[in-house]
Amino acid sequence: MKHYRYCLVVLLGLLVSGLAVAQEYPRPLAQLELNQDDVMVFLGDSITHQCLYTQYLEDYFYTRYPQRRIRFHNAGVGGDVAADALVRFAEDVASFKPKYVSVLLGMNDGRYRHFDPEVFQMYERDMTNLIEQIAACGAKAILIGPTMFDMRARRIRARAAGQDEESLRQFLYYNDVLAFYGAYLREQAFSRGLGFVDMYSPLNNITLAQRKSDPQFTLIADAVHPGGPGQLVMAYALLDMMDVSRQVSRIDIYRDEWGEWQTESDGGALLEPQRESETSGRFTFIPEGLPWVVPDEAQAGYDLVQAGNNLSREVLRISGIQPGRYEIAINQQVIGRYTDRELAAGIELQGNKLTPQYQQALKVALLNKERNDKAVRPLRNLWGQMKGKIHSGLAKDKPEEFTAWQTEFRQKVADLQAQAGQYEDRIYQINKPQTLEYVIHRVD
């Protein structure tokens, strides 16, 4: 009896201990889930203000989930540190009632010099405050580690400008400083149960791999701001680490062991195939989404990370047909010729620019690019002007002048937000997938 009681006490102790551990160590956010009417805010500095990685991420959701009205708000301002983001948080972030707030800050916080404990303490203090404010407004924070500082690109630019090596000394270990800031954010995500995205490693790893064949390769020509390919790598990293859907659709048409045609599909509705002869047939597929397509300026980055294969698979597999070479057309547009073996192995269509679904997704991406160029980036420029007014002391020194300017500022902000919303309405008018009629016939 005593032994029984002892075991019971030990078991209860283990259960209580397990609960304490579970409470002490919350699970980090594992997956980015955006549903109807959800809002995601991208908070950051000039790298977010560029409206590129945010744009490409928007493209993914606009095409993958065309039936869900998901809203995005870019809250990046050039030159920002965490303290600046706190100043505009209520109006530029919390007022949108986001489900998620991604935070990409740190590049400017380190002051572009060797690691300084006092500088880091300010960053730590302000980031803690920011994280708490995000939680207070009911959102979940996704902390993004700072991107890469490309010292080689900085050195190349300095030499082209006639600067000597001494002028670069302060930047020498800045990439390492950013790695430390990213490690701090990762620990915050672990301890608080938040999302975390490592931007530092993908950019550095790709750069290292490419420099084995091209020593001057860079994704960040000015050392700080990634161009289109680098920003695509960033969008991919966020989507990949937040475990989004990796497949657009799958179509399987095959003969079973009794010689009967069977079909399987994911990501849409596949209607019964019609066999017209031993070497030709047709079928109809109604997809739920479109492939992830980006503008030309980001394509090199898309290819570097194999984004299509990894996050946008659109697979067609046809097996059990007679040997030969077959031509495939979708909605009367020939998209290619394939052998029976290639079709049996499965062909990936997401990168085929001839397909109607690719062309439709491209229209979405180009319209979203226009939305960002004509409405979102000008909106962020206005917020940059607001920061300049605040830093100049205008509100304190000339309150009446500041109030008049602020009134005009808010009207311009409202106009640009309305314009961005109108673009979004147009995007949701053109992003609905079309019914696709596939025709296949042997050509040799």
Protein backbone atom coordinates (compact mmCIF):
# COMPACT_ATOMS: atom_id res chain seq x y z
CA MET A 1 0.00 0.00 0.00
CA LYS A 2 2.81 2.35 0.91
CA HIS A 3 4.55 1.48 -2.35
CA TYR A 4 1.33 2.26 -4.25
CA ARG A 5 0.99 5.64 -2.54
CA TYR A 6 4.63 6.44 -3.24
CA CYS A 7 4.20 5.67 -6.96
CA LEU A 8 1.04 7.78 -7.09
CA VAL A 9 2.84 10.73 -5.51
CA VAL A 10 5.74 10.39 -7.95
CA LEU A 11 3.34 10.17 -10.91
CA LEU A 12 1.44 13.27 -9.81
CA GLY A 13 4.74 15.06 -9.33
CA LEU A 14 5.81 14.19 -12.85
CA LEU A 15 2.49 15.40 -14.27
CA VAL A 16 2.72 18.69 -12.41
CA SER A 17 6.34 19.07 -13.47
CA GLY A 18 5.35 18.39 -17.09
CA LEU A 19 2.61 20.98 -16.95
CA ALA A 20 5.04 23.51 -15.46
CA VAL A 21 7.52 22.86 -18.26
CA ALA A 22 4.76 23.20 -20.87
CA GLN A 23 3.71 26.50 -19.35
CA GLU A 24 7.28 27.75 -19.06
CA TYR A 25 8.15 26.89 -22.68
CA PRO A 26 5.35 27.82 -25.09
CA ARG A 27 5.40 26.52 -28.62
CA PRO A 28 6.72 28.98 -31.23
CA LEU A 29 4.28 29.82 -34.02
CA ALA A 30 4.50 26.95 -36.48
CA GLN A 31 2.33 28.05 -39.38
CA LEU A 32 1.08 31.21 -41.05
CA GLU A 33 -2.68 30.82 -41.51
CA LEU A 34 -4.54 33.66 -43.20
CA ASN A 35 -8.26 33.25 -43.71
CA GLN A 36 -11.18 35.39 -44.86
CA ASP A 37 -10.83 39.04 -43.67
CA ASP A 38 -7.55 38.40 -41.83
CA VAL A 39 -5.00 41.22 -41.85
CA MET A 40 -1.21 40.94 -41.89
CA VAL A 41 0.99 43.97 -41.22
CA PHE A 42 4.62 44.14 -42.33
CA LEU A 43 6.47 46.38 -39.86
CA GLY A 44 10.01 47.37 -40.71
CA ASP A 45 12.59 49.81 -42.00
CA SER A 46 13.69 50.74 -45.54
CA ILE A 47 13.96 47.09 -46.60
CA THR A 48 10.22 46.74 -45.94
CA HIS A 49 9.62 50.27 -47.32
CA GLN A 50 10.96 48.96 -50.66
CA CYS A 51 7.64 47.08 -51.01
CA LEU A 52 9.25 44.07 -52.66
CA TYR A 53 9.41 41.01 -50.39
CA THR A 54 6.02 42.10 -49.07
CA GLN A 55 4.69 42.36 -52.63
CA TYR A 56 5.91 38.90 -53.59
CA LEU A 57 4.40 37.41 -50.44
CA GLU A 58 1.10 39.12 -51.29
CA ASP A 59 1.31 37.60 -54.77
CA TYR A 60 1.55 34.15 -53.21
CA PHE A 61 -1.64 34.59 -51.16
CA TYR A 62 -3.59 36.40 -53.89
CA THR A 63 -3.03 33.46 -56.24
CA ARG A 64 -3.06 30.53 -53.80
CA TYR A 65 -6.27 31.54 -52.01
CA PRO A 66 -8.31 33.62 -54.49
CA GLN A 67 -11.56 32.93 -52.62
CA ARG A 68 -10.28 34.45 -49.37
CA ARG A 69 -10.24 38.21 -48.99
CA ILE A 70 -6.93 38.64 -47.15
CA ARG A 71 -5.63 42.15 -46.46
CA PHE A 72 -2.06 43.32 -46.19
CA HIS A 73 -0.61 46.56 -44.85
CA ASN A 74 2.99 47.62 -45.38
CA ALA A 75 4.25 49.58 -42.35
CA GLY A 76 7.89 50.03 -43.34
CA VAL A 77 9.70 53.37 -43.08
CA GLY A 78 13.21 54.02 -44.36
CA GLY A 79 15.84 54.52 -41.66
CA ASP A 80 13.64 53.17 -38.88
CA VAL A 81 14.91 51.67 -35.65
CA ALA A 82 12.65 49.91 -33.18
CA ALA A 83 12.04 53.16 -31.26
CA ASP A 84 10.64 54.81 -34.42
CA ALA A 85 8.20 51.94 -34.95
CA LEU A 86 6.88 52.46 -31.43
CA VAL A 87 6.05 56.11 -32.16
CA ARG A 88 3.68 55.26 -35.02
CA PHE A 89 2.52 51.87 -33.77
CA ALA A 90 -1.03 52.81 -32.74
CA GLU A 91 -1.94 54.50 -36.02
CA ASP A 92 0.20 52.57 -38.49
CA VAL A 93 -0.16 49.05 -37.05
CA ALA A 94 -2.73 48.52 -34.28
CA SER A 95 -5.50 50.46 -36.06
CA PHE A 96 -5.59 47.78 -38.79
CA LYS A 97 -6.47 45.08 -36.20
CA PRO A 98 -3.96 42.57 -37.59
CA LYS A 99 -3.86 38.86 -36.97
CA TYR A 100 -0.10 38.84 -37.57
CA VAL A 101 2.57 41.52 -37.44
CA SER A 102 5.91 40.61 -39.02
CA VAL A 103 8.78 42.70 -37.63
CA LEU A 104 11.94 43.28 -39.66
CA LEU A 105 14.06 45.75 -37.66
CA GLY A 106 17.71 45.67 -36.67
CA MET A 107 19.68 46.74 -39.72
CA ASN A 108 19.74 50.36 -38.53
CA ASP A 109 19.57 49.57 -34.81
CA GLY A 110 23.15 48.28 -34.75
CA ARG A 111 24.39 51.68 -36.01
CA TYR A 112 26.62 50.16 -38.75
CA ARG A 113 29.61 49.57 -36.49
CA HIS A 114 31.19 46.98 -34.22
CA PHE A 115 28.99 45.43 -31.56
CA ASP A 116 28.17 47.95 -28.84
CA PRO A 117 26.46 46.58 -25.68
CA GLU A 118 24.76 49.90 -24.90
CA VAL A 119 23.36 50.17 -28.42
CA PHE A 120 22.08 46.60 -28.19
CA GLN A 121 20.44 47.30 -24.82
CA MET A 122 18.39 50.07 -26.45
CA TYR A 123 17.34 47.68 -29.21
CA GLU A 124 16.47 45.01 -26.67
CA ARG A 125 14.41 47.48 -24.62
CA ASP A 126 12.51 48.85 -27.61
CA MET A 127 11.93 45.45 -29.22
CA THR A 128 10.56 44.12 -25.93
CA ASN A 129 8.16 47.07 -25.79
CA LEU A 130 7.19 46.50 -29.43
CA ILE A 131 6.56 42.79 -28.89
CA GLU A 132 4.36 43.58 -25.91
CA GLN A 133 2.38 46.18 -27.87
CA ILE A 134 1.77 43.67 -30.67
CA ALA A 135 0.40 41.20 -28.11
CA ALA A 136 -1.71 43.94 -26.51
CA CYS A 137 -3.46 44.69 -29.80
CA GLY A 138 -4.41 41.02 -30.14
CA ALA A 139 -1.91 40.08 -32.86
CA LYS A 140 0.78 37.44 -33.06
CA ALA A 141 4.30 38.70 -33.78
CA ILE A 142 6.51 37.08 -36.40
CA LEU A 143 10.03 38.22 -35.59
CA ILE A 144 12.31 38.39 -38.61
CA GLY A 145 16.07 38.26 -38.13
CA PRO A 146 17.95 41.12 -39.83
CA THR A 147 19.06 40.54 -43.39
CA MET A 148 22.65 40.34 -44.64
CA PHE A 149 25.13 43.21 -44.73
CA ASP A 150 27.24 42.45 -47.80
CA MET A 151 30.73 43.66 -46.93
CA ARG A 152 32.14 42.66 -50.30
CA ALA A 153 29.50 44.71 -52.13
CA ARG A 154 30.29 47.64 -49.82
CA ARG A 155 33.99 47.30 -50.58
CA ILE A 156 33.39 47.18 -54.34
CA ARG A 157 31.30 50.36 -54.16
CA ALA A 158 33.92 52.09 -52.01
CA ARG A 159 36.71 51.28 -54.42
CA ALA A 160 34.64 52.51 -57.37
CA ALA A 161 34.17 55.79 -55.46
CA GLY A 162 37.89 56.08 -54.73
CA GLN A 163 37.54 55.44 -50.99
CA ASP A 164 40.41 53.75 -49.12
CA GLU A 165 40.21 50.64 -46.95
CA GLU A 166 40.35 52.64 -43.74
CA SER A 167 36.96 54.18 -44.50
CA LEU A 168 35.45 50.69 -44.37
CA ARG A 169 36.81 49.66 -40.99
CA GLN A 170 33.61 50.44 -39.09
CA PHE A 171 31.63 48.05 -41.32
CA LEU A 172 34.09 45.18 -41.14
CA TYR A 173 32.12 42.98 -38.71
CA TYR A 174 28.67 44.42 -39.18
CA ASN A 175 27.33 41.26 -40.80
CA ASP A 176 28.33 39.43 -37.60
CA VAL A 177 26.57 42.04 -35.46
CA LEU A 178 23.36 41.37 -37.40
CA ALA A 179 23.76 37.64 -36.77
CA PHE A 180 23.80 38.37 -33.03
CA TYR A 181 20.67 40.52 -33.27
CA GLY A 182 18.95 37.72 -35.16
CA ALA A 183 19.95 35.18 -32.49
CA TYR A 184 18.38 37.45 -29.86
CA LEU A 185 15.10 37.56 -31.81
CA ARG A 186 15.11 33.80 -32.21
CA GLU A 187 15.37 33.38 -28.44
CA GLN A 188 12.52 35.84 -27.94
CA ALA A 189 10.37 33.77 -30.30
CA PHE A 190 11.29 30.59 -28.43
CA SER A 191 10.57 32.00 -24.98
CA ARG A 192 7.37 33.89 -25.91
CA GLY A 193 5.81 31.44 -28.38
CA LEU A 194 6.11 33.77 -31.37
CA GLY A 195 6.96 33.24 -35.01
CA PHE A 196 10.56 33.52 -36.17
CA VAL A 197 12.02 33.78 -39.66
CA ASP A 198 15.74 33.62 -40.32
CA MET A 199 16.50 35.99 -43.21
CA TYR A 200 20.22 36.13 -42.48
CA SER A 201 21.11 32.53 -43.34
CA PRO A 202 19.36 32.21 -46.73
CA LEU A 203 20.91 35.41 -48.08
CA ASN A 204 24.40 34.57 -46.78
CA ASN A 205 24.25 30.92 -47.86
CA ILE A 206 23.12 31.72 -51.40
CA THR A 207 25.78 34.41 -51.70
CA LEU A 208 28.49 31.98 -50.57
CA ALA A 209 27.31 29.28 -52.98
CA GLN A 210 27.18 31.68 -55.95
CA ARG A 211 30.57 33.21 -55.23
CA LYS A 212 32.21 29.85 -55.77
CA SER A 213 31.70 30.50 -59.47
CA ASP A 214 31.28 34.30 -59.50
CA PRO A 215 33.33 36.09 -56.80
CA GLN A 216 31.50 39.39 -57.40
CA PHE A 217 28.01 37.92 -57.04
CA THR A 218 25.68 39.82 -54.74
CA LEU A 219 21.99 40.02 -53.95
CA ILE A 220 22.56 43.36 -52.21
CA ALA A 221 24.41 45.77 -54.51
CA ASP A 222 24.49 48.62 -51.98
CA ALA A 223 25.34 46.21 -49.12
CA VAL A 224 22.07 46.92 -47.26
CA HIS A 225 18.99 46.82 -49.52
CA PRO A 226 18.37 43.56 -51.42
CA GLY A 227 17.25 43.96 -55.01
CA GLY A 228 14.37 42.04 -56.58
CA PRO A 229 16.07 38.60 -56.51
CA GLY A 230 17.21 39.06 -52.90
CA GLN A 231 13.78 40.24 -51.84
CA LEU A 232 12.24 37.17 -53.47
CA VAL A 233 14.61 35.03 -51.39
CA MET A 234 13.26 36.90 -48.35
CA ALA A 235 9.62 36.28 -49.30
CA TYR A 236 10.43 32.61 -49.91
CA ALA A 237 12.14 32.32 -46.50
CA LEU A 238 9.11 33.71 -44.71
CA LEU A 239 6.68 31.46 -46.56
CA ASP A 240 8.91 28.41 -46.20
CA MET A 241 9.62 28.83 -42.49
CA MET A 242 5.99 29.61 -41.74
CA ASP A 243 4.99 26.32 -43.42
CA VAL A 244 2.50 27.50 -46.03
CA SER A 245 0.88 25.27 -48.64
CA ARG A 246 3.46 23.91 -51.09
CA GLN A 247 1.19 22.57 -53.82
CA VAL A 248 -1.20 24.34 -56.17
CA SER A 249 -2.72 21.22 -57.75
CA ARG A 250 -2.13 17.61 -58.72
CA ILE A 251 -3.83 15.72 -61.54
CA ASP A 252 -3.36 11.95 -61.88
CA ILE A 253 -4.88 10.00 -64.78
CA TYR A 254 -3.90 6.33 -65.03
CA ARG A 255 -5.03 2.84 -66.01
CA ASP A 256 -5.66 0.43 -63.19
CA GLU A 257 -4.80 -3.29 -63.21
CA TRP A 258 -8.03 -4.07 -65.10
CA GLY A 259 -7.28 -1.53 -67.82
CA GLU A 260 -9.89 0.95 -66.63
CA TRP A 261 -9.07 4.66 -66.55
CA GLN A 262 -8.93 6.17 -63.06
CA THR A 263 -8.47 9.76 -61.87
CA GLU A 264 -7.20 11.44 -58.73
CA SER A 265 -6.69 15.13 -58.04
CA ASP A 266 -5.88 17.69 -55.36
CA GLY A 267 -6.38 21.43 -55.43
CA GLY A 268 -9.42 21.37 -57.68
CA ALA A 269 -12.18 19.35 -59.32
CA LEU A 270 -11.25 16.93 -62.10
CA LEU A 271 -14.15 15.96 -64.38
CA GLU A 272 -14.31 12.53 -66.00
CA PRO A 273 -11.78 12.27 -68.88
CA GLN A 274 -13.13 11.61 -72.37
CA ARG A 275 -11.11 9.21 -74.50
CA GLU A 276 -11.48 10.06 -78.18
CA SER A 277 -9.12 7.34 -79.47
CA GLU A 278 -6.23 5.19 -78.29
CA THR A 279 -3.91 8.17 -78.67
CA SER A 280 -6.04 11.19 -77.80
CA GLY A 281 -8.42 12.46 -75.17
CA ARG A 282 -9.53 15.44 -73.14
CA PHE A 283 -10.49 16.33 -69.59
CA THR A 284 -11.62 19.37 -67.63
CA PHE A 285 -10.06 20.63 -64.41
CA ILE A 286 -11.44 23.41 -62.21
CA PRO A 287 -8.52 24.59 -60.03
CA GLU A 288 -8.88 26.21 -56.62
CA GLY A 289 -5.80 28.39 -57.01
CA LEU A 290 -3.14 29.67 -59.38
CA PRO A 291 0.64 29.19 -59.44
CA TRP A 292 2.89 31.67 -57.59
CA VAL A 293 4.22 33.97 -60.32
CA VAL A 294 6.39 37.06 -59.78
CA PRO A 295 7.54 39.97 -61.98
CA ASP A 296 10.67 39.58 -64.11
CA GLU A 297 12.89 41.57 -61.73
CA ALA A 298 12.44 38.87 -59.05
CA GLN A 299 12.70 35.81 -61.30
CA ALA A 300 16.41 35.19 -60.69
CA GLY A 301 15.74 34.84 -56.96
CA TYR A 302 12.73 32.62 -57.65
CA ASP A 303 15.00 30.31 -59.64
CA LEU A 304 17.79 30.35 -57.02
CA VAL A 305 15.51 28.96 -54.31
CA GLN A 306 13.50 26.78 -56.72
CA ALA A 307 10.38 28.47 -55.44
CA GLY A 308 8.12 26.90 -58.04
CA ASN A 309 9.02 23.32 -57.20
CA ASN A 310 9.15 23.94 -53.46
CA LEU A 311 6.13 26.19 -52.88
CA SER A 312 4.01 26.15 -56.05
CA ARG A 313 3.88 22.64 -57.49
CA GLU A 314 1.35 22.16 -60.27
CA VAL A 315 1.72 18.52 -61.36
CA LEU A 316 0.13 16.64 -64.26
CA ARG A 317 0.68 12.88 -64.47
CA ILE A 318 -0.77 10.63 -67.19
CA SER A 319 0.25 6.99 -67.33
CA GLY A 320 -0.86 3.90 -69.20
CA ILE A 321 -0.98 5.57 -72.62
CA GLN A 322 0.64 4.17 -75.75
CA PRO A 323 4.33 4.94 -76.34
CA GLY A 324 5.04 8.10 -78.29
CA ARG A 325 5.25 11.86 -78.11
CA TYR A 326 2.15 13.80 -77.10
CA GLU A 327 1.04 17.39 -77.53
CA ILE A 328 -0.91 19.03 -74.71
CA ALA A 329 -3.15 22.06 -75.09
CA ILE A 330 -5.05 23.94 -72.39
CA ASN A 331 -8.01 26.03 -73.50
CA GLN A 332 -6.77 25.64 -77.09
CA GLN A 333 -3.28 26.93 -76.19
CA VAL A 334 -0.52 24.39 -76.94
CA ILE A 335 1.74 24.27 -73.88
CA GLY A 336 4.26 21.64 -74.96
CA ARG A 337 5.12 18.19 -76.23
CA TYR A 338 6.10 15.34 -73.93
CA THR A 339 6.92 11.66 -74.23
CA ASP A 340 4.72 9.04 -72.62
CA ARG A 341 7.52 8.42 -70.10
CA GLU A 342 7.70 12.11 -69.16
CA LEU A 343 3.94 12.21 -68.67
CA ALA A 344 4.00 9.02 -66.60
CA ALA A 345 6.72 10.49 -64.37
CA GLY A 346 4.74 13.72 -64.03
CA ILE A 347 5.36 17.15 -65.53
CA GLU A 348 5.39 20.36 -63.52
CA LEU A 349 3.40 23.17 -65.10
CA GLN A 350 3.86 26.02 -62.60
CA GLY A 351 6.74 27.55 -64.55
CA ASN A 352 5.28 27.03 -68.01
CA LYS A 353 4.58 30.55 -69.30
CA LEU A 354 2.27 29.22 -72.02
CA THR A 355 -0.42 27.93 -69.69
CA PRO A 356 -3.55 30.05 -69.14
CA GLN A 357 -3.12 29.73 -65.38
CA TYR A 358 0.44 31.12 -65.52
CA GLN A 359 -0.70 34.05 -67.65
CA GLN A 360 -3.55 34.77 -65.28
CA ALA A 361 -1.24 34.66 -62.24
CA LEU A 362 1.18 36.99 -64.03
CA LYS A 363 -1.62 39.53 -64.51
CA VAL A 364 -2.26 39.38 -60.78
CA ALA A 365 1.43 39.91 -60.01
CA LEU A 366 1.75 42.84 -62.42
CA LEU A 367 -1.38 44.52 -61.07
CA ASN A 368 -0.08 44.07 -57.53
CA LYS A 369 3.24 45.58 -58.61
CA GLU A 370 1.29 48.60 -59.89
CA ARG A 371 -0.59 48.74 -56.59
CA ASN A 372 2.67 48.85 -54.65
CA ASP A 373 4.36 51.32 -57.01
CA LYS A 374 1.47 53.79 -57.22
CA ALA A 375 -0.21 53.53 -53.84
CA VAL A 376 1.70 51.57 -51.20
CA ARG A 377 5.21 53.00 -51.66
CA PRO A 378 3.94 56.61 -51.88
CA LEU A 379 2.02 55.91 -48.67
CA ARG A 380 5.21 54.76 -46.98
CA ASN A 381 6.98 57.87 -48.28
CA LEU A 382 4.37 59.96 -46.43
CA TRP A 383 5.11 58.14 -43.21
CA GLY A 384 8.79 58.80 -43.81
CA GLN A 385 7.95 62.50 -44.03
CA MET A 386 6.04 62.23 -40.75
CA LYS A 387 9.10 60.79 -39.06
CA GLY A 388 11.18 63.66 -40.44
CA LYS A 389 8.74 66.21 -39.01
CA ILE A 390 8.80 64.54 -35.60
CA HIS A 391 12.60 64.33 -35.52
CA SER A 392 12.89 67.97 -36.57
CA GLY A 393 10.98 69.05 -33.46
CA LEU A 394 8.30 70.80 -35.50
CA ALA A 395 5.49 69.49 -33.26
CA LYS A 396 7.13 71.07 -30.22
CA ASP A 397 8.55 74.24 -31.74
CA LYS A 398 5.70 75.14 -34.12
CA PRO A 399 2.62 73.19 -33.01
CA GLU A 400 0.16 75.09 -35.21
CA GLU A 401 2.24 74.50 -38.32
CA PHE A 402 2.61 70.83 -37.42
CA THR A 403 -1.12 70.44 -36.83
CA ALA A 404 -1.90 71.94 -40.24
CA TRP A 405 0.64 69.65 -41.90
CA GLN A 406 -0.68 66.65 -39.98
CA THR A 407 -4.23 67.32 -41.21
CA GLU A 408 -3.02 67.35 -44.80
CA PHE A 409 -0.90 64.25 -44.11
CA ARG A 410 -3.87 62.26 -42.82
CA GLN A 411 -5.96 63.16 -45.85
CA LYS A 412 -3.21 62.03 -48.21
CA VAL A 413 -2.80 58.81 -46.22
CA ALA A 414 -6.54 58.12 -46.44
CA ASP A 415 -6.53 58.77 -50.19
CA LEU A 416 -3.61 56.41 -50.81
CA GLN A 417 -5.11 53.71 -48.59
CA ALA A 418 -8.34 54.00 -50.57
CA GLN A 419 -6.36 53.74 -53.82
CA ALA A 420 -4.56 50.64 -52.55
CA GLY A 421 -7.94 49.16 -51.63
CA GLN A 422 -9.27 49.83 -55.12
CA TYR A 423 -6.31 47.99 -56.62
CA GLU A 424 -7.01 45.14 -54.23
CA ASP A 425 -10.63 45.02 -55.45
CA ARG A 426 -9.35 44.68 -59.01
CA ILE A 427 -6.93 41.95 -57.99
CA TYR A 428 -9.76 39.94 -56.46
CA GLN A 429 -11.72 40.34 -59.68
CA ILE A 430 -8.99 38.83 -61.87
CA ASN A 431 -7.48 36.20 -59.55
CA LYS A 432 -10.35 33.67 -59.73
CA PRO A 433 -9.14 30.51 -61.53
CA GLN A 434 -10.69 29.63 -64.87
CA THR A 435 -12.05 26.26 -65.93
CA LEU A 436 -9.25 24.50 -67.80
CA GLU A 437 -9.92 22.13 -70.71
CA TYR A 438 -6.95 19.88 -71.42
CA VAL A 439 -6.59 18.16 -74.79
CA ILE A 440 -3.91 15.55 -75.38
CA HIS A 441 -3.05 13.74 -78.62
CA ARG A 442 -0.07 11.83 -79.96
CA VAL A 443 1.98 13.62 -82.59
CA ASP A 444 4.52 10.88 -83.40
